Amino acid sequence: TAPGWRIMAASNPHDYVGMMNAALACEDPVLMIEHVELYNEKGTIPAGDLDYQIPFGTARVVREGSEVTVLSYLSMVQKAVTATEQTGVDSEIIDLRFLDQASIDWATIEKSIAKTNAVMIVEQGARGTSYGGWLADEIQRRFFDHLDQPITRVSGQEASPSISKLLETAAIA
């Protein structure tokens, strides 16, 4: 990420509206990353308050758990929830929402890691020098004493997802 930029990534329609309102009120340059799966998603938003804002630096605990902290963003948040339901692992799933260094909710992340002592980063992008790589490094440096095992990364394959649905399916995490 570039210093000075605010980077946000909504995983659902409710967050999108609140984060976009926060972006419009922000004096810094803001980049809202949108995933194509969000365009057709239906969801709820607060009735009567289309001006609500989700403050920068607030992650969302999607699911409470005790075995592993799962950090994700965009469409992979719901995929992490589905995987947790299918596997029965008691995962605490956190939707990061804000991805820039100044807006990461380190307090929420630390509280969860201190409880689970394990971290899994779930992202769609290609493995290489992805956001998850930076995040894993930062977590290792900040919260090493809480970790009982190496950080696990679940990511896409070597190539980024394509516009082709068939190739995207092959490349996704």
N, C-alpha and C. Protein backbone atom coordinates (compact mmCIF):
# COMPACT_ATOMS: atom_id res chain seq x y z
N THR A 1 0.84 -1.19 0.00
CA THR A 1 0.00 0.00 0.00
C THR A 1 0.88 1.24 0.00
N ALA A 2 0.36 2.32 -0.52
CA ALA A 2 1.11 3.58 -0.61
C ALA A 2 0.75 4.50 0.55
N PRO A 3 1.73 5.11 1.18
CA PRO A 3 1.45 6.04 2.28
C PRO A 3 0.50 7.16 1.84
N GLY A 4 -0.43 7.49 2.72
CA GLY A 4 -1.39 8.55 2.43
C GLY A 4 -2.69 8.04 1.83
N TRP A 5 -2.66 6.89 1.19
CA TRP A 5 -3.87 6.32 0.60
C TRP A 5 -4.63 5.52 1.64
N ARG A 6 -5.94 5.60 1.59
CA ARG A 6 -6.83 4.75 2.39
C ARG A 6 -7.37 3.69 1.44
N ILE A 7 -7.28 2.44 1.84
CA ILE A 7 -7.72 1.33 0.99
C ILE A 7 -8.80 0.56 1.74
N MET A 8 -9.94 0.41 1.11
CA MET A 8 -11.05 -0.29 1.74
C MET A 8 -11.58 -1.38 0.82
N ALA A 9 -12.13 -2.43 1.44
CA ALA A 9 -12.61 -3.58 0.68
C ALA A 9 -13.86 -4.14 1.36
N ALA A 10 -15.01 -3.79 0.84
CA ALA A 10 -16.28 -4.23 1.44
C ALA A 10 -16.61 -5.66 1.00
N SER A 11 -17.14 -6.43 1.95
CA SER A 11 -17.50 -7.82 1.65
C SER A 11 -19.01 -8.01 1.50
N ASN A 12 -19.79 -6.96 1.77
CA ASN A 12 -21.24 -7.09 1.69
C ASN A 12 -21.85 -5.70 1.42
N PRO A 13 -23.11 -5.65 0.96
CA PRO A 13 -23.74 -4.37 0.62
C PRO A 13 -23.84 -3.40 1.80
N HIS A 14 -24.12 -3.89 3.00
CA HIS A 14 -24.23 -3.03 4.19
C HIS A 14 -22.92 -2.29 4.42
N ASP A 15 -21.83 -3.01 4.42
CA ASP A 15 -20.52 -2.39 4.64
C ASP A 15 -20.15 -1.46 3.50
N TYR A 16 -20.53 -1.83 2.28
CA TYR A 16 -20.18 -1.00 1.13
C TYR A 16 -20.74 0.41 1.29
N VAL A 17 -22.01 0.51 1.67
CA VAL A 17 -22.64 1.83 1.81
C VAL A 17 -21.95 2.62 2.93
N GLY A 18 -21.76 2.00 4.09
CA GLY A 18 -21.14 2.69 5.22
C GLY A 18 -19.69 3.08 4.96
N MET A 19 -18.97 2.24 4.24
CA MET A 19 -17.57 2.54 3.93
C MET A 19 -17.47 3.60 2.83
N MET A 20 -18.36 3.53 1.85
CA MET A 20 -18.34 4.54 0.79
C MET A 20 -18.67 5.92 1.36
N ASN A 21 -19.61 5.99 2.28
CA ASN A 21 -19.92 7.27 2.94
C ASN A 21 -18.72 7.78 3.71
N ALA A 22 -18.00 6.89 4.38
CA ALA A 22 -16.78 7.29 5.10
C ALA A 22 -15.73 7.79 4.12
N ALA A 23 -15.62 7.14 2.98
CA ALA A 23 -14.65 7.55 1.95
C ALA A 23 -14.98 8.95 1.42
N LEU A 24 -16.26 9.21 1.19
CA LEU A 24 -16.67 10.52 0.66
C LEU A 24 -16.41 11.64 1.66
N ALA A 25 -16.43 11.32 2.95
CA ALA A 25 -16.18 12.33 3.99
C ALA A 25 -14.70 12.48 4.32
N CYS A 26 -13.88 11.58 3.83
CA CYS A 26 -12.45 11.56 4.15
C CYS A 26 -11.69 12.56 3.26
N GLU A 27 -10.72 13.22 3.84
CA GLU A 27 -9.92 14.18 3.06
C GLU A 27 -8.72 13.53 2.40
N ASP A 28 -8.40 12.30 2.78
CA ASP A 28 -7.31 11.56 2.15
C ASP A 28 -7.81 10.92 0.86
N PRO A 29 -6.90 10.57 -0.05
CA PRO A 29 -7.33 9.80 -1.23
C PRO A 29 -7.73 8.40 -0.78
N VAL A 30 -8.82 7.89 -1.35
CA VAL A 30 -9.36 6.59 -0.95
C VAL A 30 -9.55 5.71 -2.18
N LEU A 31 -9.20 4.46 -2.03
CA LEU A 31 -9.44 3.46 -3.07
C LEU A 31 -10.38 2.41 -2.49
N MET A 32 -11.55 2.24 -3.11
CA MET A 32 -12.49 1.20 -2.69
C MET A 32 -12.33 0.03 -3.66
N ILE A 33 -11.85 -1.10 -3.16
CA ILE A 33 -11.72 -2.29 -3.98
C ILE A 33 -13.08 -2.97 -4.00
N GLU A 34 -13.56 -3.26 -5.19
CA GLU A 34 -14.86 -3.92 -5.33
C GLU A 34 -14.66 -5.27 -5.99
N HIS A 35 -15.32 -6.28 -5.48
CA HIS A 35 -15.27 -7.59 -6.08
C HIS A 35 -16.52 -7.78 -6.91
N VAL A 36 -16.37 -8.39 -8.08
CA VAL A 36 -17.49 -8.55 -9.01
C VAL A 36 -18.65 -9.32 -8.38
N GLU A 37 -18.39 -10.23 -7.44
CA GLU A 37 -19.48 -10.98 -6.80
C GLU A 37 -20.37 -10.08 -5.95
N LEU A 38 -19.87 -8.93 -5.54
CA LEU A 38 -20.64 -8.00 -4.71
C LEU A 38 -21.76 -7.34 -5.52
N TYR A 39 -21.57 -7.20 -6.83
CA TYR A 39 -22.55 -6.49 -7.66
C TYR A 39 -23.92 -7.13 -7.65
N ASN A 40 -23.98 -8.44 -7.60
CA ASN A 40 -25.27 -9.14 -7.64
C ASN A 40 -25.75 -9.58 -6.26
N GLU A 41 -24.99 -9.27 -5.22
CA GLU A 41 -25.36 -9.71 -3.88
C GLU A 41 -26.46 -8.83 -3.31
N LYS A 42 -27.43 -9.47 -2.70
CA LYS A 42 -28.49 -8.75 -2.02
C LYS A 42 -28.17 -8.74 -0.53
N GLY A 43 -28.48 -7.65 0.12
CA GLY A 43 -28.21 -7.55 1.54
C GLY A 43 -29.02 -6.42 2.14
N THR A 44 -28.93 -6.29 3.43
CA THR A 44 -29.68 -5.25 4.12
C THR A 44 -28.79 -4.05 4.41
N ILE A 45 -29.43 -2.91 4.49
CA ILE A 45 -28.76 -1.68 4.93
C ILE A 45 -29.72 -1.01 5.92
N PRO A 46 -29.18 -0.19 6.82
CA PRO A 46 -30.08 0.45 7.80
C PRO A 46 -31.16 1.29 7.12
N ALA A 47 -32.38 0.98 7.38
CA ALA A 47 -33.50 1.72 6.79
C ALA A 47 -33.51 3.14 7.35
N GLY A 48 -33.67 4.10 6.46
CA GLY A 48 -33.80 5.48 6.88
C GLY A 48 -32.49 6.20 7.16
N ASP A 49 -31.36 5.52 7.08
CA ASP A 49 -30.08 6.19 7.33
C ASP A 49 -29.06 5.78 6.28
N LEU A 50 -29.21 6.32 5.09
CA LEU A 50 -28.28 6.00 4.01
C LEU A 50 -27.00 6.83 4.12
N ASP A 51 -26.88 7.67 5.13
CA ASP A 51 -25.67 8.46 5.34
C ASP A 51 -24.77 7.88 6.43
N TYR A 52 -25.12 6.72 6.99
CA TYR A 52 -24.30 6.16 8.06
C TYR A 52 -22.89 5.87 7.54
N GLN A 53 -21.94 5.88 8.45
CA GLN A 53 -20.55 5.63 8.09
C GLN A 53 -19.96 4.54 8.97
N ILE A 54 -19.12 3.74 8.38
CA ILE A 54 -18.31 2.78 9.15
C ILE A 54 -16.95 3.44 9.29
N PRO A 55 -16.55 3.75 10.51
CA PRO A 55 -15.30 4.49 10.71
C PRO A 55 -14.07 3.72 10.20
N PHE A 56 -13.12 4.46 9.66
CA PHE A 56 -11.86 3.87 9.24
C PHE A 56 -11.24 3.14 10.43
N GLY A 57 -10.60 2.03 10.17
CA GLY A 57 -9.90 1.30 11.23
C GLY A 57 -10.77 0.39 12.06
N THR A 58 -11.95 0.01 11.54
CA THR A 58 -12.82 -0.90 12.29
C THR A 58 -13.05 -2.18 11.50
N ALA A 59 -12.41 -3.23 11.93
CA ALA A 59 -12.66 -4.55 11.36
C ALA A 59 -13.97 -5.07 11.95
N ARG A 60 -14.49 -6.13 11.36
CA ARG A 60 -15.75 -6.71 11.84
C ARG A 60 -15.54 -8.18 12.17
N VAL A 61 -15.86 -8.56 13.40
CA VAL A 61 -15.82 -9.97 13.76
C VAL A 61 -17.09 -10.60 13.22
N VAL A 62 -16.93 -11.41 12.19
CA VAL A 62 -18.07 -12.03 11.51
C VAL A 62 -18.58 -13.23 12.30
N ARG A 63 -17.63 -13.95 12.90
CA ARG A 63 -17.99 -15.15 13.66
C ARG A 63 -17.01 -15.29 14.82
N GLU A 64 -17.53 -15.50 16.02
CA GLU A 64 -16.69 -15.75 17.19
C GLU A 64 -16.20 -17.19 17.15
N GLY A 65 -14.97 -17.42 17.60
CA GLY A 65 -14.42 -18.76 17.62
C GLY A 65 -13.24 -18.84 18.56
N SER A 66 -12.72 -20.05 18.76
CA SER A 66 -11.63 -20.22 19.73
C SER A 66 -10.41 -20.97 19.20
N GLU A 67 -10.51 -21.59 18.02
CA GLU A 67 -9.41 -22.43 17.55
C GLU A 67 -8.42 -21.71 16.64
N VAL A 68 -8.89 -20.82 15.80
CA VAL A 68 -8.01 -20.13 14.85
C VAL A 68 -8.64 -18.79 14.46
N THR A 69 -7.80 -17.77 14.31
CA THR A 69 -8.25 -16.47 13.82
C THR A 69 -8.10 -16.47 12.31
N VAL A 70 -9.20 -16.29 11.60
CA VAL A 70 -9.19 -16.23 10.15
C VAL A 70 -9.37 -14.78 9.74
N LEU A 71 -8.37 -14.24 9.04
CA LEU A 71 -8.41 -12.86 8.56
C LEU A 71 -8.67 -12.88 7.06
N SER A 72 -9.68 -12.11 6.63
CA SER A 72 -10.03 -12.11 5.21
C SER A 72 -10.66 -10.79 4.82
N TYR A 73 -10.96 -10.67 3.54
CA TYR A 73 -11.59 -9.47 3.00
C TYR A 73 -12.25 -9.80 1.67
N LEU A 74 -13.10 -8.89 1.21
CA LEU A 74 -13.85 -9.05 -0.04
C LEU A 74 -14.66 -10.35 -0.06
N SER A 75 -14.73 -11.02 -1.20
CA SER A 75 -15.60 -12.20 -1.35
C SER A 75 -15.13 -13.40 -0.54
N MET A 76 -13.87 -13.39 -0.12
CA MET A 76 -13.35 -14.54 0.61
C MET A 76 -13.87 -14.61 2.05
N VAL A 77 -14.46 -13.54 2.54
CA VAL A 77 -15.03 -13.57 3.89
C VAL A 77 -16.15 -14.60 3.94
N GLN A 78 -17.09 -14.53 3.01
CA GLN A 78 -18.19 -15.49 3.00
C GLN A 78 -17.71 -16.89 2.69
N LYS A 79 -16.70 -17.02 1.85
CA LYS A 79 -16.14 -18.35 1.56
C LYS A 79 -15.50 -18.93 2.82
N ALA A 80 -14.88 -18.09 3.64
CA ALA A 80 -14.29 -18.57 4.90
C ALA A 80 -15.39 -19.03 5.87
N VAL A 81 -16.50 -18.30 5.89
CA VAL A 81 -17.63 -18.70 6.74
C VAL A 81 -18.17 -20.06 6.29
N THR A 82 -18.34 -20.23 4.99
CA THR A 82 -18.83 -21.49 4.45
C THR A 82 -17.87 -22.63 4.76
N ALA A 83 -16.58 -22.40 4.58
CA ALA A 83 -15.58 -23.44 4.86
C ALA A 83 -15.59 -23.82 6.34
N THR A 84 -15.76 -22.83 7.21
CA THR A 84 -15.83 -23.11 8.65
C THR A 84 -17.03 -23.97 8.98
N GLU A 85 -18.17 -23.66 8.38
CA GLU A 85 -19.38 -24.45 8.62
C GLU A 85 -19.20 -25.88 8.13
N GLN A 86 -18.51 -26.06 7.00
CA GLN A 86 -18.33 -27.39 6.43
C GLN A 86 -17.31 -28.22 7.19
N THR A 87 -16.30 -27.58 7.76
CA THR A 87 -15.23 -28.33 8.43
C THR A 87 -15.48 -28.51 9.92
N GLY A 88 -16.27 -27.64 10.52
CA GLY A 88 -16.53 -27.73 11.95
C GLY A 88 -15.42 -27.13 12.81
N VAL A 89 -14.42 -26.50 12.18
CA VAL A 89 -13.36 -25.84 12.94
C VAL A 89 -13.95 -24.60 13.59
N ASP A 90 -13.66 -24.38 14.86
CA ASP A 90 -14.21 -23.25 15.59
C ASP A 90 -13.38 -21.99 15.28
N SER A 91 -13.59 -21.44 14.10
CA SER A 91 -12.82 -20.29 13.61
C SER A 91 -13.43 -18.97 14.04
N GLU A 92 -12.58 -18.04 14.44
CA GLU A 92 -13.02 -16.66 14.63
C GLU A 92 -12.69 -15.95 13.33
N ILE A 93 -13.71 -15.51 12.62
CA ILE A 93 -13.53 -14.92 11.30
C ILE A 93 -13.63 -13.40 11.40
N ILE A 94 -12.60 -12.72 10.91
CA ILE A 94 -12.56 -11.27 10.94
C ILE A 94 -12.50 -10.73 9.52
N ASP A 95 -13.45 -9.87 9.20
CA ASP A 95 -13.46 -9.15 7.93
C ASP A 95 -12.63 -7.88 8.16
N LEU A 96 -11.49 -7.81 7.52
CA LEU A 96 -10.58 -6.69 7.76
C LEU A 96 -11.17 -5.34 7.35
N ARG A 97 -11.93 -5.30 6.27
CA ARG A 97 -12.56 -4.09 5.74
C ARG A 97 -11.55 -3.05 5.25
N PHE A 98 -10.69 -2.57 6.11
CA PHE A 98 -9.74 -1.51 5.77
C PHE A 98 -8.34 -2.11 5.68
N LEU A 99 -7.68 -1.95 4.54
CA LEU A 99 -6.44 -2.67 4.27
C LEU A 99 -5.18 -1.82 4.34
N ASP A 100 -5.30 -0.50 4.35
CA ASP A 100 -4.10 0.33 4.38
C ASP A 100 -3.47 0.27 5.77
N GLN A 101 -2.18 0.53 5.83
CA GLN A 101 -1.44 0.40 7.07
C GLN A 101 -1.97 1.29 8.18
N ALA A 102 -2.47 2.46 7.85
CA ALA A 102 -2.96 3.39 8.87
C ALA A 102 -4.34 2.98 9.40
N SER A 103 -5.06 2.15 8.67
CA SER A 103 -6.44 1.84 9.04
C SER A 103 -6.67 0.41 9.50
N ILE A 104 -5.64 -0.40 9.56
CA ILE A 104 -5.82 -1.79 10.03
C ILE A 104 -6.24 -1.76 11.50
N ASP A 105 -7.20 -2.57 11.85
CA ASP A 105 -7.70 -2.64 13.21
C ASP A 105 -6.85 -3.64 14.01
N TRP A 106 -5.66 -3.20 14.40
CA TRP A 106 -4.74 -4.08 15.12
C TRP A 106 -5.29 -4.53 16.46
N ALA A 107 -6.10 -3.70 17.11
CA ALA A 107 -6.65 -4.07 18.41
C ALA A 107 -7.56 -5.29 18.30
N THR A 108 -8.44 -5.30 17.30
CA THR A 108 -9.34 -6.44 17.10
C THR A 108 -8.55 -7.69 16.73
N ILE A 109 -7.56 -7.51 15.86
CA ILE A 109 -6.73 -8.65 15.45
C ILE A 109 -5.97 -9.22 16.64
N GLU A 110 -5.36 -8.36 17.44
CA GLU A 110 -4.59 -8.83 18.59
C GLU A 110 -5.48 -9.55 19.60
N LYS A 111 -6.64 -9.00 19.88
CA LYS A 111 -7.56 -9.63 20.83
C LYS A 111 -7.91 -11.05 20.38
N SER A 112 -8.16 -11.22 19.10
CA SER A 112 -8.52 -12.53 18.57
C SER A 112 -7.34 -13.49 18.60
N ILE A 113 -6.16 -13.02 18.19
CA ILE A 113 -4.98 -13.89 18.18
C ILE A 113 -4.61 -14.31 19.60
N ALA A 114 -4.75 -13.40 20.55
CA ALA A 114 -4.45 -13.74 21.94
C ALA A 114 -5.39 -14.85 22.45
N LYS A 115 -6.60 -14.91 21.89
CA LYS A 115 -7.57 -15.93 22.30
C LYS A 115 -7.31 -17.27 21.60
N THR A 116 -6.99 -17.22 20.29
CA THR A 116 -6.88 -18.47 19.51
C THR A 116 -5.44 -18.99 19.39
N ASN A 117 -4.46 -18.10 19.45
CA ASN A 117 -3.05 -18.45 19.30
C ASN A 117 -2.71 -19.05 17.94
N ALA A 118 -3.56 -18.80 16.95
CA ALA A 118 -3.32 -19.31 15.60
C ALA A 118 -3.95 -18.36 14.59
N VAL A 119 -3.30 -18.22 13.43
CA VAL A 119 -3.79 -17.29 12.40
C VAL A 119 -3.81 -17.97 11.04
N MET A 120 -4.90 -17.73 10.31
CA MET A 120 -5.00 -18.14 8.91
C MET A 120 -5.44 -16.91 8.12
N ILE A 121 -4.71 -16.59 7.07
CA ILE A 121 -5.06 -15.47 6.20
C ILE A 121 -5.66 -16.05 4.92
N VAL A 122 -6.88 -15.64 4.60
CA VAL A 122 -7.59 -16.17 3.44
C VAL A 122 -7.82 -15.03 2.46
N GLU A 123 -7.26 -15.19 1.25
CA GLU A 123 -7.44 -14.17 0.21
C GLU A 123 -7.52 -14.84 -1.15
N GLN A 124 -8.12 -14.14 -2.08
CA GLN A 124 -8.34 -14.71 -3.41
C GLN A 124 -7.12 -14.56 -4.31
N GLY A 125 -6.36 -13.50 -4.15
CA GLY A 125 -5.27 -13.20 -5.06
C GLY A 125 -4.20 -14.27 -5.12
N ALA A 126 -3.34 -14.13 -6.12
CA ALA A 126 -2.22 -15.06 -6.29
C ALA A 126 -1.28 -14.96 -5.10
N ARG A 127 -0.62 -16.06 -4.79
CA ARG A 127 0.21 -16.17 -3.59
C ARG A 127 1.34 -15.16 -3.59
N GLY A 128 2.28 -15.23 -4.41
CA GLY A 128 3.44 -14.35 -4.55
C GLY A 128 3.58 -13.24 -3.52
N THR A 129 3.67 -12.04 -4.00
CA THR A 129 3.84 -10.87 -3.13
C THR A 129 2.49 -10.22 -2.86
N SER A 130 1.57 -11.00 -2.38
CA SER A 130 0.21 -10.52 -2.16
C SER A 130 0.10 -9.75 -0.85
N TYR A 131 -1.07 -9.19 -0.63
CA TYR A 131 -1.37 -8.49 0.60
C TYR A 131 -1.20 -9.42 1.80
N GLY A 132 -1.61 -10.66 1.65
CA GLY A 132 -1.50 -11.63 2.73
C GLY A 132 -0.06 -11.86 3.18
N GLY A 133 0.87 -11.77 2.25
CA GLY A 133 2.28 -11.92 2.59
C GLY A 133 2.73 -10.80 3.51
N TRP A 134 2.35 -9.57 3.17
CA TRP A 134 2.69 -8.43 4.02
C TRP A 134 2.02 -8.57 5.38
N LEU A 135 0.75 -8.96 5.38
CA LEU A 135 -0.01 -9.08 6.62
C LEU A 135 0.60 -10.16 7.53
N ALA A 136 0.98 -11.29 6.96
CA ALA A 136 1.60 -12.36 7.74
C ALA A 136 2.89 -11.88 8.38
N ASP A 137 3.68 -11.15 7.63
CA ASP A 137 4.94 -10.62 8.16
C ASP A 137 4.68 -9.66 9.32
N GLU A 138 3.72 -8.79 9.15
CA GLU A 138 3.40 -7.81 10.19
C GLU A 138 2.84 -8.49 11.45
N ILE A 139 2.00 -9.47 11.28
CA ILE A 139 1.44 -10.21 12.41
C ILE A 139 2.55 -10.95 13.15
N GLN A 140 3.45 -11.56 12.40
CA GLN A 140 4.57 -12.29 13.00
C GLN A 140 5.41 -11.36 13.88
N ARG A 141 5.65 -10.15 13.40
CA ARG A 141 6.46 -9.20 14.16
C ARG A 141 5.70 -8.64 15.36
N ARG A 142 4.44 -8.35 15.19
CA ARG A 142 3.66 -7.72 16.27
C ARG A 142 3.20 -8.69 17.35
N PHE A 143 2.81 -9.89 16.94
CA PHE A 143 2.11 -10.80 17.86
C PHE A 143 2.80 -12.16 18.01
N PHE A 144 4.09 -12.20 17.80
CA PHE A 144 4.84 -13.45 17.85
C PHE A 144 4.59 -14.22 19.15
N ASP A 145 4.56 -13.52 20.26
CA ASP A 145 4.41 -14.19 21.56
C ASP A 145 3.05 -14.86 21.73
N HIS A 146 2.06 -14.47 20.93
CA HIS A 146 0.73 -15.10 21.01
C HIS A 146 0.62 -16.34 20.13
N LEU A 147 1.52 -16.50 19.17
CA LEU A 147 1.38 -17.56 18.17
C LEU A 147 1.96 -18.88 18.66
N ASP A 148 1.17 -19.94 18.55
CA ASP A 148 1.62 -21.28 18.91
C ASP A 148 2.03 -22.10 17.69
N GLN A 149 1.86 -21.54 16.50
CA GLN A 149 2.19 -22.24 15.26
C GLN A 149 2.40 -21.23 14.16
N PRO A 150 3.00 -21.66 13.05
CA PRO A 150 3.21 -20.72 11.94
C PRO A 150 1.88 -20.20 11.38
N ILE A 151 1.92 -19.02 10.82
CA ILE A 151 0.73 -18.44 10.17
C ILE A 151 0.46 -19.21 8.89
N THR A 152 -0.80 -19.59 8.69
CA THR A 152 -1.21 -20.31 7.49
C THR A 152 -1.81 -19.33 6.50
N ARG A 153 -1.48 -19.51 5.23
CA ARG A 153 -2.07 -18.66 4.19
C ARG A 153 -2.82 -19.53 3.19
N VAL A 154 -4.07 -19.16 2.94
CA VAL A 154 -4.87 -19.79 1.90
C VAL A 154 -5.05 -18.73 0.84
N SER A 155 -4.58 -19.03 -0.36
CA SER A 155 -4.64 -18.02 -1.42
C SER A 155 -4.90 -18.69 -2.76
N GLY A 156 -4.97 -17.86 -3.78
CA GLY A 156 -5.12 -18.38 -5.13
C GLY A 156 -3.83 -19.05 -5.59
N GLN A 157 -3.85 -19.51 -6.80
CA GLN A 157 -2.69 -20.19 -7.37
C GLN A 157 -1.62 -19.18 -7.77
N GLU A 158 -0.71 -19.58 -8.62
CA GLU A 158 0.40 -18.71 -9.02
C GLU A 158 -0.04 -17.55 -9.90
N ALA A 159 -1.13 -17.73 -10.66
CA ALA A 159 -1.61 -16.68 -11.55
C ALA A 159 -2.85 -16.02 -10.95
N SER A 160 -3.03 -14.75 -11.23
CA SER A 160 -4.21 -14.03 -10.75
C SER A 160 -5.46 -14.54 -11.44
N PRO A 161 -6.61 -14.42 -10.77
CA PRO A 161 -7.87 -14.82 -11.40
C PRO A 161 -8.10 -14.06 -12.70
N SER A 162 -8.75 -14.70 -13.61
CA SER A 162 -8.97 -14.15 -14.95
C SER A 162 -10.42 -13.73 -15.13
N ILE A 163 -10.70 -13.09 -16.23
CA ILE A 163 -12.08 -12.72 -16.57
C ILE A 163 -12.87 -13.95 -17.01
N SER A 164 -12.17 -14.98 -17.45
CA SER A 164 -12.82 -16.23 -17.82
C SER A 164 -13.29 -16.95 -16.56
N LYS A 165 -14.56 -17.29 -16.49
CA LYS A 165 -15.11 -17.95 -15.31
C LYS A 165 -14.41 -19.28 -15.05
N LEU A 166 -14.12 -20.03 -16.11
CA LEU A 166 -13.45 -21.32 -15.97
C LEU A 166 -12.04 -21.14 -15.40
N LEU A 167 -11.29 -20.18 -15.93
CA LEU A 167 -9.93 -19.93 -15.42
C LEU A 167 -9.96 -19.34 -14.01
N GLU A 168 -10.96 -18.50 -13.73
CA GLU A 168 -11.08 -17.94 -12.38
C GLU A 168 -11.33 -19.04 -11.35
N THR A 169 -12.21 -19.97 -11.70
CA THR A 169 -12.50 -21.07 -10.80
C THR A 169 -11.26 -21.91 -10.53
N ALA A 170 -10.43 -22.10 -11.55
CA ALA A 170 -9.20 -22.87 -11.39
C ALA A 170 -8.17 -22.14 -10.53
N ALA A 171 -8.18 -20.81 -10.55
CA ALA A 171 -7.16 -20.03 -9.85
C ALA A 171 -7.55 -19.63 -8.43
N ILE A 172 -8.84 -19.69 -8.10
CA ILE A 172 -9.29 -19.18 -6.80
C ILE A 172 -8.84 -20.08 -5.65
N ALA A 173 -8.72 -19.48 -4.48
CA ALA A 173 -8.30 -20.25 -3.29
C ALA A 173 -9.30 -21.32 -2.95
